N, C-alpha and C. Protein backbone atom coordinates (compact mmCIF):
# COMPACT_ATOMS: atom_id res chain seq x y z
N UNK A 1 8.35 3.56 -14.82
CA UNK A 1 7.57 3.05 -13.69
C UNK A 1 7.44 4.16 -12.66
N UNK A 2 6.25 4.73 -12.55
CA UNK A 2 6.00 5.86 -11.66
C UNK A 2 4.95 5.49 -10.62
N UNK A 3 5.27 5.70 -9.35
CA UNK A 3 4.32 5.43 -8.27
C UNK A 3 4.84 6.02 -6.97
N UNK A 4 4.02 5.99 -5.93
CA UNK A 4 4.42 6.39 -4.58
C UNK A 4 4.08 5.26 -3.63
N UNK A 5 5.09 4.73 -2.94
CA UNK A 5 4.89 3.66 -1.96
C UNK A 5 4.69 4.28 -0.58
N UNK A 6 3.70 3.78 0.15
CA UNK A 6 3.39 4.34 1.47
C UNK A 6 3.34 3.23 2.52
N UNK A 7 3.48 3.65 3.78
CA UNK A 7 3.32 2.71 4.89
C UNK A 7 2.92 3.49 6.14
N UNK A 8 1.97 2.94 6.89
CA UNK A 8 1.54 3.50 8.17
C UNK A 8 1.94 2.58 9.31
N UNK A 9 2.21 3.16 10.47
CA UNK A 9 2.27 2.44 11.74
C UNK A 9 1.20 3.05 12.63
N UNK A 10 0.55 2.22 13.45
CA UNK A 10 -0.54 2.70 14.29
C UNK A 10 -0.23 2.52 15.77
N UNK A 11 -0.84 3.37 16.60
CA UNK A 11 -0.59 3.35 18.03
C UNK A 11 -1.38 2.27 18.75
N UNK A 12 -2.53 1.90 18.19
CA UNK A 12 -3.38 0.90 18.82
C UNK A 12 -4.24 0.24 17.74
N UNK A 13 -5.28 -0.46 18.15
CA UNK A 13 -6.11 -1.19 17.19
C UNK A 13 -7.00 -0.27 16.35
N UNK A 14 -7.16 0.97 16.75
CA UNK A 14 -7.98 1.91 15.99
C UNK A 14 -7.30 2.29 14.68
N UNK A 15 -8.02 2.17 13.58
CA UNK A 15 -7.43 2.49 12.28
C UNK A 15 -7.13 3.98 12.14
N UNK A 16 -7.70 4.82 13.00
CA UNK A 16 -7.43 6.25 12.94
C UNK A 16 -6.25 6.65 13.84
N UNK A 17 -5.52 5.67 14.38
CA UNK A 17 -4.48 5.95 15.37
C UNK A 17 -3.08 5.99 14.76
N UNK A 18 -2.95 6.50 13.55
CA UNK A 18 -1.63 6.57 12.89
C UNK A 18 -0.63 7.31 13.77
N UNK A 19 0.56 6.71 13.94
CA UNK A 19 1.62 7.39 14.69
C UNK A 19 2.86 7.60 13.83
N UNK A 20 2.90 6.98 12.66
CA UNK A 20 3.97 7.23 11.70
C UNK A 20 3.45 6.95 10.29
N UNK A 21 3.87 7.79 9.37
CA UNK A 21 3.56 7.61 7.95
C UNK A 21 4.82 7.91 7.15
N UNK A 22 5.05 7.13 6.12
CA UNK A 22 6.15 7.41 5.20
C UNK A 22 5.66 7.27 3.78
N UNK A 23 6.28 8.03 2.89
CA UNK A 23 5.95 7.98 1.46
C UNK A 23 7.24 8.05 0.66
N UNK A 24 7.37 7.15 -0.30
CA UNK A 24 8.57 7.08 -1.15
C UNK A 24 8.13 7.25 -2.59
N UNK A 25 8.59 8.31 -3.23
CA UNK A 25 8.20 8.59 -4.61
C UNK A 25 9.19 7.94 -5.57
N UNK A 26 8.65 7.20 -6.54
CA UNK A 26 9.45 6.55 -7.58
C UNK A 26 9.06 7.12 -8.93
N UNK A 27 10.04 7.56 -9.68
CA UNK A 27 9.81 8.07 -11.02
C UNK A 27 10.83 7.44 -11.96
N UNK A 28 10.33 6.89 -13.06
CA UNK A 28 11.16 6.19 -14.04
C UNK A 28 11.99 5.08 -13.38
N UNK A 29 11.36 4.41 -12.41
CA UNK A 29 11.99 3.26 -11.78
C UNK A 29 13.03 3.58 -10.73
N UNK A 30 13.17 4.85 -10.33
CA UNK A 30 14.16 5.26 -9.35
C UNK A 30 13.49 6.04 -8.22
N UNK A 31 13.97 5.83 -7.00
CA UNK A 31 13.48 6.61 -5.87
C UNK A 31 14.01 8.03 -5.99
N UNK A 32 13.10 8.99 -6.05
CA UNK A 32 13.51 10.39 -6.22
C UNK A 32 13.20 11.24 -4.99
N UNK A 33 12.38 10.71 -4.08
CA UNK A 33 12.05 11.47 -2.87
C UNK A 33 11.54 10.50 -1.81
N UNK A 34 11.81 10.80 -0.56
CA UNK A 34 11.31 9.99 0.55
C UNK A 34 11.00 10.91 1.72
N UNK A 35 9.85 10.68 2.34
CA UNK A 35 9.42 11.52 3.46
C UNK A 35 8.85 10.63 4.56
N UNK A 36 8.99 11.10 5.80
CA UNK A 36 8.44 10.37 6.95
C UNK A 36 7.92 11.37 7.97
N UNK A 37 6.78 11.05 8.57
CA UNK A 37 6.17 11.90 9.58
C UNK A 37 5.87 11.09 10.83
N UNK A 38 6.22 11.63 12.00
CA UNK A 38 5.71 11.11 13.26
C UNK A 38 4.44 11.88 13.57
N UNK A 39 3.43 11.17 14.05
CA UNK A 39 2.10 11.75 14.22
C UNK A 39 1.60 11.46 15.63
N UNK A 40 1.04 12.44 16.27
CA UNK A 40 0.43 12.24 17.59
C UNK A 40 -1.01 11.76 17.39
N UNK A 41 -1.31 10.53 17.81
CA UNK A 41 -2.67 10.01 17.59
C UNK A 41 -3.67 10.64 18.55
N UNK A 42 -4.91 10.66 18.12
CA UNK A 42 -6.01 11.11 18.97
C UNK A 42 -7.08 10.03 18.98
N UNK A 43 -7.47 9.51 20.18
CA UNK A 43 -6.93 9.83 21.50
C UNK A 43 -5.49 9.35 21.67
N UNK A 44 -4.79 9.94 22.62
CA UNK A 44 -3.36 9.69 22.80
C UNK A 44 -3.16 8.43 23.63
N UNK A 45 -3.34 7.28 22.97
CA UNK A 45 -3.20 5.99 23.66
C UNK A 45 -2.39 5.03 22.79
N UNK A 46 -1.38 4.40 23.40
CA UNK A 46 -0.57 3.41 22.71
C UNK A 46 -0.78 2.04 23.35
N UNK A 47 -1.13 1.07 22.52
CA UNK A 47 -1.24 -0.31 22.98
C UNK A 47 0.17 -0.88 23.11
N UNK A 48 0.51 -1.51 24.25
CA UNK A 48 1.85 -2.07 24.42
C UNK A 48 2.25 -3.04 23.31
N UNK A 49 1.28 -3.77 22.76
CA UNK A 49 1.60 -4.70 21.67
C UNK A 49 2.05 -3.96 20.42
N UNK A 50 1.42 -2.82 20.14
CA UNK A 50 1.83 -2.02 18.98
C UNK A 50 3.23 -1.45 19.19
N UNK A 51 3.51 -1.00 20.42
CA UNK A 51 4.85 -0.49 20.73
C UNK A 51 5.89 -1.58 20.51
N UNK A 52 5.55 -2.80 20.92
CA UNK A 52 6.48 -3.92 20.75
C UNK A 52 6.76 -4.18 19.28
N UNK A 53 5.78 -3.95 18.42
CA UNK A 53 5.96 -4.20 16.99
C UNK A 53 6.83 -3.14 16.34
N UNK A 54 6.48 -1.86 16.53
CA UNK A 54 7.20 -0.81 15.79
C UNK A 54 8.20 -0.01 16.62
N UNK A 55 8.15 -0.14 17.94
CA UNK A 55 9.13 0.54 18.78
C UNK A 55 8.90 2.02 18.98
N UNK A 56 7.74 2.53 18.56
CA UNK A 56 7.44 3.95 18.74
C UNK A 56 6.72 4.12 20.08
N UNK A 57 7.31 4.90 20.98
CA UNK A 57 6.75 5.13 22.31
C UNK A 57 5.99 6.46 22.35
N UNK A 58 5.06 6.60 23.28
CA UNK A 58 4.29 7.84 23.36
C UNK A 58 5.14 9.10 23.43
N UNK A 59 6.25 9.05 24.19
CA UNK A 59 7.06 10.25 24.33
C UNK A 59 7.73 10.66 23.02
N UNK A 60 7.82 9.73 22.06
CA UNK A 60 8.44 10.05 20.77
C UNK A 60 7.54 10.93 19.91
N UNK A 61 6.23 10.89 20.18
CA UNK A 61 5.29 11.66 19.35
C UNK A 61 4.48 12.68 20.16
N UNK A 62 4.76 12.79 21.45
CA UNK A 62 3.96 13.66 22.32
C UNK A 62 3.93 15.10 21.84
N UNK A 63 5.01 15.55 21.23
CA UNK A 63 5.08 16.94 20.76
C UNK A 63 4.94 17.07 19.25
N UNK A 64 4.53 15.98 18.60
CA UNK A 64 4.33 16.00 17.15
C UNK A 64 2.90 16.45 16.83
N UNK A 65 2.65 16.95 15.63
CA UNK A 65 1.29 17.36 15.26
C UNK A 65 0.36 16.16 15.09
N UNK A 66 -0.92 16.39 15.29
CA UNK A 66 -1.92 15.37 14.98
C UNK A 66 -2.08 15.28 13.47
N UNK A 67 -2.73 14.23 13.03
CA UNK A 67 -2.87 13.98 11.59
C UNK A 67 -3.49 15.18 10.87
N UNK A 68 -4.54 15.72 11.44
CA UNK A 68 -5.22 16.85 10.80
C UNK A 68 -4.33 18.06 10.63
N UNK A 69 -3.40 18.24 11.57
CA UNK A 69 -2.51 19.41 11.52
C UNK A 69 -1.37 19.25 10.53
N UNK A 70 -1.01 18.02 10.21
CA UNK A 70 0.09 17.82 9.25
C UNK A 70 -0.40 17.37 7.87
N UNK A 71 -1.73 17.33 7.67
CA UNK A 71 -2.26 16.86 6.40
C UNK A 71 -1.79 17.70 5.22
N UNK A 72 -1.66 19.01 5.42
CA UNK A 72 -1.24 19.87 4.31
C UNK A 72 0.12 19.46 3.76
N UNK A 73 1.01 19.02 4.63
CA UNK A 73 2.33 18.59 4.17
C UNK A 73 2.30 17.17 3.62
N UNK A 74 1.31 16.38 4.06
CA UNK A 74 1.19 14.99 3.61
C UNK A 74 0.45 14.90 2.28
N UNK A 75 -0.56 15.74 2.10
CA UNK A 75 -1.48 15.64 0.97
C UNK A 75 -0.82 15.51 -0.40
N UNK A 76 0.26 16.25 -0.70
CA UNK A 76 0.85 16.12 -2.03
C UNK A 76 1.30 14.71 -2.38
N UNK A 77 1.60 13.89 -1.37
CA UNK A 77 2.01 12.51 -1.63
C UNK A 77 0.86 11.66 -2.15
N UNK A 78 -0.36 12.13 -1.95
CA UNK A 78 -1.54 11.37 -2.37
C UNK A 78 -2.23 12.01 -3.56
N UNK A 79 -1.49 12.81 -4.27
CA UNK A 79 -2.03 13.46 -5.47
C UNK A 79 -1.71 12.60 -6.69
N UNK A 80 -2.73 11.94 -7.23
CA UNK A 80 -2.52 11.14 -8.44
C UNK A 80 -2.37 12.08 -9.64
N UNK A 81 -1.14 12.40 -9.97
CA UNK A 81 -0.89 13.38 -11.02
C UNK A 81 -1.37 12.90 -12.38
N UNK A 82 -1.30 11.61 -12.60
CA UNK A 82 -1.85 11.04 -13.83
C UNK A 82 -2.25 9.61 -13.54
N UNK A 83 -2.86 8.96 -14.49
CA UNK A 83 -3.46 7.65 -14.25
C UNK A 83 -2.45 6.58 -13.87
N UNK A 84 -1.19 6.76 -14.26
CA UNK A 84 -0.21 5.71 -13.98
C UNK A 84 0.71 6.08 -12.81
N UNK A 85 0.31 7.03 -11.99
CA UNK A 85 1.09 7.36 -10.79
C UNK A 85 0.24 7.05 -9.56
N UNK A 86 0.00 5.78 -9.33
CA UNK A 86 -0.88 5.39 -8.24
C UNK A 86 -0.07 5.10 -6.97
N UNK A 87 -0.79 4.90 -5.87
CA UNK A 87 -0.17 4.55 -4.61
C UNK A 87 0.10 3.06 -4.57
N UNK A 88 1.15 2.69 -3.84
CA UNK A 88 1.51 1.29 -3.65
C UNK A 88 1.70 1.05 -2.16
N UNK A 89 1.20 -0.07 -1.65
CA UNK A 89 1.45 -0.45 -0.26
C UNK A 89 1.45 -1.96 -0.17
N UNK A 90 2.11 -2.48 0.85
CA UNK A 90 2.11 -3.93 1.06
C UNK A 90 0.98 -4.24 2.03
N UNK A 91 0.05 -5.09 1.61
CA UNK A 91 -1.22 -5.27 2.30
C UNK A 91 -1.95 -3.93 2.30
N UNK A 92 -2.20 -3.43 1.10
CA UNK A 92 -2.73 -2.07 0.90
C UNK A 92 -4.06 -1.84 1.60
N UNK A 93 -4.84 -2.88 1.79
CA UNK A 93 -6.14 -2.71 2.45
C UNK A 93 -5.95 -2.07 3.82
N UNK A 94 -4.89 -2.48 4.55
CA UNK A 94 -4.63 -1.89 5.86
C UNK A 94 -4.26 -0.42 5.74
N UNK A 95 -3.26 -0.12 4.92
CA UNK A 95 -2.76 1.25 4.85
C UNK A 95 -3.80 2.23 4.30
N UNK A 96 -4.55 1.81 3.30
CA UNK A 96 -5.58 2.70 2.76
C UNK A 96 -6.70 2.90 3.77
N UNK A 97 -7.02 1.86 4.54
CA UNK A 97 -8.06 2.02 5.56
C UNK A 97 -7.58 2.93 6.69
N UNK A 98 -6.29 2.88 7.03
CA UNK A 98 -5.75 3.81 8.03
C UNK A 98 -5.85 5.25 7.50
N UNK A 99 -5.46 5.44 6.25
CA UNK A 99 -5.54 6.77 5.65
C UNK A 99 -6.96 7.31 5.67
N UNK A 100 -7.91 6.53 5.16
CA UNK A 100 -9.29 7.02 5.09
C UNK A 100 -9.90 7.20 6.48
N UNK A 101 -9.52 6.33 7.43
CA UNK A 101 -10.03 6.47 8.80
C UNK A 101 -9.50 7.74 9.45
N UNK A 102 -8.21 8.04 9.24
CA UNK A 102 -7.64 9.28 9.78
C UNK A 102 -8.31 10.50 9.17
N UNK A 103 -8.52 10.47 7.87
CA UNK A 103 -9.18 11.60 7.21
C UNK A 103 -10.60 11.79 7.73
N UNK A 104 -11.34 10.71 7.84
CA UNK A 104 -12.71 10.80 8.34
C UNK A 104 -12.74 11.29 9.79
N UNK A 105 -11.82 10.78 10.60
CA UNK A 105 -11.78 11.15 12.02
C UNK A 105 -11.51 12.63 12.21
N UNK A 106 -10.69 13.19 11.32
CA UNK A 106 -10.33 14.61 11.42
C UNK A 106 -11.16 15.49 10.47
N UNK A 107 -12.26 14.93 9.97
CA UNK A 107 -13.21 15.68 9.12
C UNK A 107 -12.54 16.30 7.90
N UNK A 108 -11.68 15.52 7.26
CA UNK A 108 -11.00 15.94 6.04
C UNK A 108 -11.55 15.11 4.89
N UNK A 109 -11.97 15.73 3.79
CA UNK A 109 -12.49 14.96 2.65
C UNK A 109 -11.44 13.97 2.14
N UNK A 110 -11.91 12.79 1.79
CA UNK A 110 -11.01 11.77 1.23
C UNK A 110 -10.78 12.08 -0.24
N UNK A 111 -9.53 12.29 -0.66
CA UNK A 111 -9.28 12.57 -2.08
C UNK A 111 -9.49 11.32 -2.92
N UNK A 112 -9.66 11.50 -4.20
CA UNK A 112 -9.78 10.35 -5.11
C UNK A 112 -8.41 9.68 -5.23
N UNK A 113 -8.35 8.40 -4.90
CA UNK A 113 -7.09 7.66 -4.87
C UNK A 113 -7.19 6.39 -5.70
N UNK A 114 -6.09 6.00 -6.30
CA UNK A 114 -5.96 4.68 -6.92
C UNK A 114 -4.73 4.03 -6.32
N UNK A 115 -4.81 2.72 -6.10
CA UNK A 115 -3.69 2.06 -5.42
C UNK A 115 -3.58 0.60 -5.86
N UNK A 116 -2.40 0.06 -5.66
CA UNK A 116 -2.15 -1.36 -5.90
C UNK A 116 -1.44 -1.94 -4.69
N UNK A 117 -1.44 -3.25 -4.58
CA UNK A 117 -0.92 -3.93 -3.39
C UNK A 117 0.23 -4.86 -3.79
N UNK A 118 1.40 -4.67 -3.17
CA UNK A 118 2.54 -5.51 -3.53
C UNK A 118 2.38 -6.95 -3.05
N UNK A 119 1.58 -7.18 -2.01
CA UNK A 119 1.30 -8.57 -1.62
C UNK A 119 0.54 -9.28 -2.74
N UNK A 120 -0.46 -8.61 -3.29
CA UNK A 120 -1.25 -9.17 -4.39
C UNK A 120 -0.38 -9.34 -5.63
N UNK A 121 0.41 -8.33 -5.95
CA UNK A 121 1.31 -8.40 -7.11
C UNK A 121 2.26 -9.58 -6.96
N UNK A 122 2.86 -9.72 -5.78
CA UNK A 122 3.83 -10.79 -5.55
C UNK A 122 3.21 -12.18 -5.69
N UNK A 123 1.98 -12.34 -5.21
CA UNK A 123 1.31 -13.65 -5.31
C UNK A 123 1.21 -14.13 -6.75
N UNK A 124 1.04 -13.19 -7.67
CA UNK A 124 0.84 -13.57 -9.07
C UNK A 124 2.11 -13.44 -9.90
N UNK A 125 3.07 -12.65 -9.42
CA UNK A 125 4.35 -12.58 -10.12
C UNK A 125 5.22 -13.78 -9.77
N UNK A 126 5.12 -14.24 -8.52
CA UNK A 126 5.92 -15.38 -8.05
C UNK A 126 5.02 -16.39 -7.34
N UNK A 127 4.18 -17.08 -8.08
CA UNK A 127 3.25 -18.03 -7.44
C UNK A 127 3.99 -19.19 -6.78
N UNK A 128 3.37 -19.72 -5.72
CA UNK A 128 3.91 -20.91 -5.09
C UNK A 128 4.84 -20.67 -3.92
N UNK A 129 5.09 -19.43 -3.55
CA UNK A 129 5.95 -19.17 -2.40
C UNK A 129 5.19 -19.43 -1.10
N UNK A 130 5.94 -19.77 -0.05
CA UNK A 130 5.30 -20.13 1.21
C UNK A 130 4.80 -18.90 1.97
N UNK A 131 5.40 -17.74 1.74
CA UNK A 131 4.98 -16.53 2.43
C UNK A 131 5.11 -15.32 1.51
N UNK A 132 4.12 -14.43 1.61
CA UNK A 132 4.15 -13.19 0.85
C UNK A 132 4.17 -11.97 1.77
N UNK A 133 4.62 -12.19 3.01
CA UNK A 133 4.80 -11.08 3.93
C UNK A 133 5.94 -10.19 3.46
N UNK A 134 5.93 -8.95 3.89
CA UNK A 134 6.96 -7.99 3.46
C UNK A 134 8.35 -8.47 3.83
N UNK A 135 8.51 -8.93 5.06
CA UNK A 135 9.83 -9.38 5.52
C UNK A 135 10.32 -10.58 4.74
N UNK A 136 9.43 -11.56 4.50
CA UNK A 136 9.81 -12.78 3.78
C UNK A 136 10.19 -12.47 2.34
N UNK A 137 9.40 -11.64 1.67
CA UNK A 137 9.69 -11.29 0.28
C UNK A 137 10.99 -10.50 0.17
N UNK A 138 11.18 -9.54 1.08
CA UNK A 138 12.40 -8.74 1.04
C UNK A 138 13.63 -9.61 1.25
N UNK A 139 13.54 -10.54 2.19
CA UNK A 139 14.67 -11.44 2.44
C UNK A 139 14.98 -12.28 1.22
N UNK A 140 13.94 -12.81 0.58
CA UNK A 140 14.12 -13.64 -0.62
C UNK A 140 14.74 -12.85 -1.77
N UNK A 141 14.37 -11.58 -1.87
CA UNK A 141 14.88 -10.74 -2.95
C UNK A 141 16.20 -10.04 -2.61
N UNK A 142 16.69 -10.28 -1.39
CA UNK A 142 17.95 -9.67 -0.99
C UNK A 142 17.83 -8.20 -0.63
N UNK A 143 16.65 -7.78 -0.19
CA UNK A 143 16.41 -6.38 0.20
C UNK A 143 16.60 -6.26 1.71
N UNK A 144 17.56 -5.48 2.14
CA UNK A 144 17.81 -5.29 3.57
C UNK A 144 17.02 -4.08 4.06
N UNK A 145 16.31 -4.25 5.17
CA UNK A 145 15.55 -3.14 5.74
C UNK A 145 15.20 -3.44 7.19
N UNK A 146 14.78 -2.41 7.91
CA UNK A 146 14.36 -2.54 9.31
C UNK A 146 12.84 -2.57 9.35
N UNK A 147 12.29 -3.76 9.58
CA UNK A 147 10.85 -3.96 9.49
C UNK A 147 10.11 -3.14 10.54
N UNK A 148 8.94 -2.63 10.14
CA UNK A 148 8.02 -1.86 10.98
C UNK A 148 8.52 -0.45 11.29
N UNK A 149 9.50 0.02 10.55
CA UNK A 149 9.74 1.46 10.46
C UNK A 149 9.08 1.88 9.15
N UNK A 150 8.19 2.87 9.21
CA UNK A 150 7.36 3.19 8.04
C UNK A 150 8.20 3.54 6.82
N UNK A 151 9.28 4.28 7.00
CA UNK A 151 10.11 4.65 5.85
C UNK A 151 10.82 3.44 5.27
N UNK A 152 11.39 2.61 6.13
CA UNK A 152 12.07 1.40 5.67
C UNK A 152 11.10 0.47 4.96
N UNK A 153 9.90 0.33 5.52
CA UNK A 153 8.89 -0.53 4.90
C UNK A 153 8.47 0.00 3.53
N UNK A 154 8.35 1.32 3.41
CA UNK A 154 7.97 1.92 2.13
C UNK A 154 9.03 1.69 1.07
N UNK A 155 10.30 1.80 1.46
CA UNK A 155 11.39 1.56 0.51
C UNK A 155 11.40 0.10 0.08
N UNK A 156 11.20 -0.81 1.05
CA UNK A 156 11.15 -2.24 0.72
C UNK A 156 9.98 -2.54 -0.20
N UNK A 157 8.83 -1.93 0.06
CA UNK A 157 7.64 -2.11 -0.77
C UNK A 157 7.92 -1.66 -2.20
N UNK A 158 8.54 -0.49 -2.34
CA UNK A 158 8.88 0.02 -3.68
C UNK A 158 9.83 -0.93 -4.39
N UNK A 159 10.80 -1.45 -3.66
CA UNK A 159 11.79 -2.36 -4.26
C UNK A 159 11.15 -3.66 -4.72
N UNK A 160 10.18 -4.16 -3.95
CA UNK A 160 9.47 -5.39 -4.33
C UNK A 160 8.67 -5.16 -5.60
N UNK A 161 8.00 -4.02 -5.69
CA UNK A 161 7.21 -3.75 -6.90
C UNK A 161 8.11 -3.65 -8.13
N UNK A 162 9.24 -2.98 -7.99
CA UNK A 162 10.16 -2.85 -9.12
C UNK A 162 10.71 -4.22 -9.52
N UNK A 163 10.97 -5.09 -8.54
CA UNK A 163 11.46 -6.44 -8.84
C UNK A 163 10.40 -7.25 -9.57
N UNK A 164 9.13 -7.11 -9.15
CA UNK A 164 8.04 -7.82 -9.82
C UNK A 164 7.87 -7.33 -11.25
N UNK A 165 7.95 -6.02 -11.44
CA UNK A 165 7.83 -5.46 -12.79
C UNK A 165 8.95 -5.96 -13.69
N UNK A 166 10.15 -6.03 -13.15
CA UNK A 166 11.29 -6.54 -13.91
C UNK A 166 11.10 -8.01 -14.26
N UNK A 167 10.54 -8.77 -13.31
CA UNK A 167 10.33 -10.21 -13.50
C UNK A 167 9.39 -10.49 -14.66
N UNK A 168 8.33 -9.70 -14.79
CA UNK A 168 7.34 -9.96 -15.84
C UNK A 168 7.54 -9.08 -17.07
N UNK A 169 8.54 -8.21 -17.02
CA UNK A 169 8.84 -7.36 -18.18
C UNK A 169 7.87 -6.23 -18.37
N UNK A 170 7.46 -5.58 -17.25
CA UNK A 170 6.52 -4.46 -17.32
C UNK A 170 7.26 -3.15 -17.08
N UNK A 171 6.91 -2.13 -17.83
CA UNK A 171 7.56 -0.83 -17.69
C UNK A 171 6.66 0.22 -17.04
N UNK A 172 5.44 -0.16 -16.70
CA UNK A 172 4.51 0.75 -16.04
C UNK A 172 3.58 -0.05 -15.14
N UNK A 173 2.91 0.65 -14.22
CA UNK A 173 1.94 -0.01 -13.36
C UNK A 173 0.83 -0.63 -14.19
N UNK A 174 0.35 0.11 -15.19
CA UNK A 174 -0.71 -0.41 -16.05
C UNK A 174 -0.29 -1.71 -16.73
N UNK A 175 0.93 -1.73 -17.25
CA UNK A 175 1.40 -2.93 -17.93
C UNK A 175 1.57 -4.08 -16.96
N UNK A 176 2.07 -3.80 -15.76
CA UNK A 176 2.21 -4.83 -14.73
C UNK A 176 0.85 -5.41 -14.38
N UNK A 177 -0.14 -4.55 -14.17
CA UNK A 177 -1.49 -5.02 -13.84
C UNK A 177 -2.08 -5.84 -14.99
N UNK A 178 -1.83 -5.42 -16.22
CA UNK A 178 -2.36 -6.14 -17.37
C UNK A 178 -1.73 -7.53 -17.48
N UNK A 179 -0.42 -7.61 -17.29
CA UNK A 179 0.27 -8.90 -17.41
C UNK A 179 -0.16 -9.88 -16.32
N UNK A 180 -0.48 -9.35 -15.14
CA UNK A 180 -0.88 -10.21 -14.02
C UNK A 180 -2.39 -10.27 -13.85
N UNK A 181 -3.13 -9.66 -14.77
CA UNK A 181 -4.60 -9.56 -14.73
C UNK A 181 -5.10 -9.07 -13.36
N UNK A 182 -4.55 -7.94 -12.93
CA UNK A 182 -4.94 -7.33 -11.67
C UNK A 182 -5.72 -6.05 -11.92
N UNK A 183 -6.59 -5.73 -10.98
CA UNK A 183 -7.36 -4.49 -11.04
C UNK A 183 -6.99 -3.66 -9.82
N UNK A 184 -6.53 -2.43 -10.05
CA UNK A 184 -6.12 -1.60 -8.92
C UNK A 184 -7.31 -1.18 -8.09
N UNK A 185 -7.06 -0.88 -6.83
CA UNK A 185 -8.11 -0.42 -5.94
C UNK A 185 -8.33 1.07 -6.07
N UNK A 186 -9.40 1.55 -5.45
CA UNK A 186 -9.72 2.97 -5.49
C UNK A 186 -10.42 3.37 -4.19
N UNK A 187 -10.29 4.64 -3.85
CA UNK A 187 -10.96 5.17 -2.66
C UNK A 187 -11.31 6.62 -2.92
N UNK A 188 -12.29 7.09 -2.16
CA UNK A 188 -12.72 8.49 -2.28
C UNK A 188 -13.84 8.74 -1.30
N UNK A 189 -14.49 9.88 -1.42
CA UNK A 189 -15.62 10.19 -0.54
C UNK A 189 -16.76 9.19 -0.70
N UNK A 190 -16.79 8.50 -1.84
CA UNK A 190 -17.84 7.53 -2.11
C UNK A 190 -17.62 6.22 -1.36
N UNK A 191 -16.39 5.96 -0.90
CA UNK A 191 -16.09 4.71 -0.23
C UNK A 191 -14.76 4.12 -0.67
N UNK A 192 -14.71 2.80 -0.73
CA UNK A 192 -13.44 2.10 -0.92
C UNK A 192 -13.66 0.82 -1.73
N UNK A 193 -12.75 0.56 -2.67
CA UNK A 193 -12.76 -0.71 -3.41
C UNK A 193 -11.34 -1.24 -3.44
N UNK A 194 -11.14 -2.46 -2.95
CA UNK A 194 -9.80 -3.02 -2.84
C UNK A 194 -9.21 -3.46 -4.16
N UNK A 195 -7.87 -3.53 -4.20
CA UNK A 195 -7.18 -4.11 -5.36
C UNK A 195 -7.47 -5.61 -5.39
N UNK A 196 -7.60 -6.16 -6.59
CA UNK A 196 -7.98 -7.57 -6.69
C UNK A 196 -7.52 -8.16 -8.02
N UNK A 197 -7.73 -9.45 -8.18
CA UNK A 197 -7.48 -10.12 -9.45
C UNK A 197 -8.69 -9.94 -10.34
N UNK A 198 -8.45 -9.65 -11.60
CA UNK A 198 -9.56 -9.50 -12.54
C UNK A 198 -10.29 -10.82 -12.67
N UNK A 199 -11.62 -10.76 -12.72
CA UNK A 199 -12.40 -11.99 -12.86
C UNK A 199 -12.17 -12.57 -14.25
N UNK A 200 -12.02 -13.88 -14.28
CA UNK A 200 -11.78 -14.57 -15.54
C UNK A 200 -13.08 -15.18 -16.06
N UNK A 201 -13.34 -15.12 -17.37
CA UNK A 201 -14.55 -15.76 -17.90
C UNK A 201 -14.50 -17.26 -17.67
N UNK A 202 -15.61 -17.81 -17.26
CA UNK A 202 -15.66 -19.25 -16.97
C UNK A 202 -15.66 -20.03 -18.28
N UNK A 203 -14.79 -21.05 -18.32
CA UNK A 203 -14.73 -21.88 -19.52
C UNK A 203 -15.92 -22.84 -19.55
N UNK A 204 -16.47 -23.04 -20.73
CA UNK A 204 -17.55 -24.00 -20.85
C UNK A 204 -17.00 -25.41 -20.71
N UNK A 205 -17.74 -26.25 -20.00
CA UNK A 205 -17.34 -27.64 -19.89
C UNK A 205 -17.61 -28.35 -21.21
N UNK A 206 -16.99 -29.51 -21.40
CA UNK A 206 -17.18 -30.26 -22.64
C UNK A 206 -18.63 -30.67 -22.81
N UNK A 207 -19.31 -30.98 -21.67
CA UNK A 207 -20.72 -31.39 -21.73
C UNK A 207 -21.59 -30.26 -22.26
N UNK A 208 -21.32 -29.02 -21.77
CA UNK A 208 -22.15 -27.90 -22.22
C UNK A 208 -21.89 -27.58 -23.68
N UNK A 209 -20.63 -27.76 -24.12
CA UNK A 209 -20.31 -27.52 -25.52
C UNK A 209 -21.04 -28.52 -26.40
N UNK A 210 -21.05 -29.78 -25.96
CA UNK A 210 -21.74 -30.83 -26.73
C UNK A 210 -23.23 -30.55 -26.81
N UNK A 211 -23.80 -30.11 -25.65
CA UNK A 211 -25.24 -29.86 -25.60
C UNK A 211 -25.64 -28.73 -26.54
N UNK A 212 -24.82 -27.69 -26.63
CA UNK A 212 -25.19 -26.55 -27.47
C UNK A 212 -25.01 -26.83 -28.95
N UNK A 213 -24.29 -27.89 -29.30
CA UNK A 213 -24.06 -28.19 -30.72
C UNK A 213 -24.98 -29.29 -31.22
N UNK A 214 -25.80 -29.85 -30.34
CA UNK A 214 -26.71 -30.91 -30.79
C UNK A 214 -28.02 -30.32 -31.27
């Protein structure tokens, strides 16, 4: 099971306002590397509500590089080395949109990316639960972490994916997606396509079957 789990925290409602990013690399089902970056957003504005959520204050990132300046060190985390080493995030639509918004804002080409979402995976691996939020799932699975710290969230996300794979007996992302009939998302300079459930062929009703046989 090979993948990289990521998580962003933002300074305000702007998707290009990343103030923290973390990436956790998993190879053969084990965490082999973890990285975290504090980022100075541009413009340099923090919404008090965002500070209340993640606890990152402006003075914590005032002397940190902007996203464009630290992209060279970040970029290797988003290198899909092969088809089964995709990105993973919880509520991936948010994190991938933050990534692409930051890249666009800093005039950096968006690399070709493939990703899956642990919220989507969890919904189909464990149907019927009352909540599929990161905190609720981690608590149910016995995963201890400090919510809304990007590194802690990335580790929890990775742990949830590994638990889901173990639950359904999958040894790779491809096999997990196949067992749950999921389609991974993709992004690039062409745009963005979210991770989703594969469309199922509609079953013919008994009336239509009867009509076609008469």
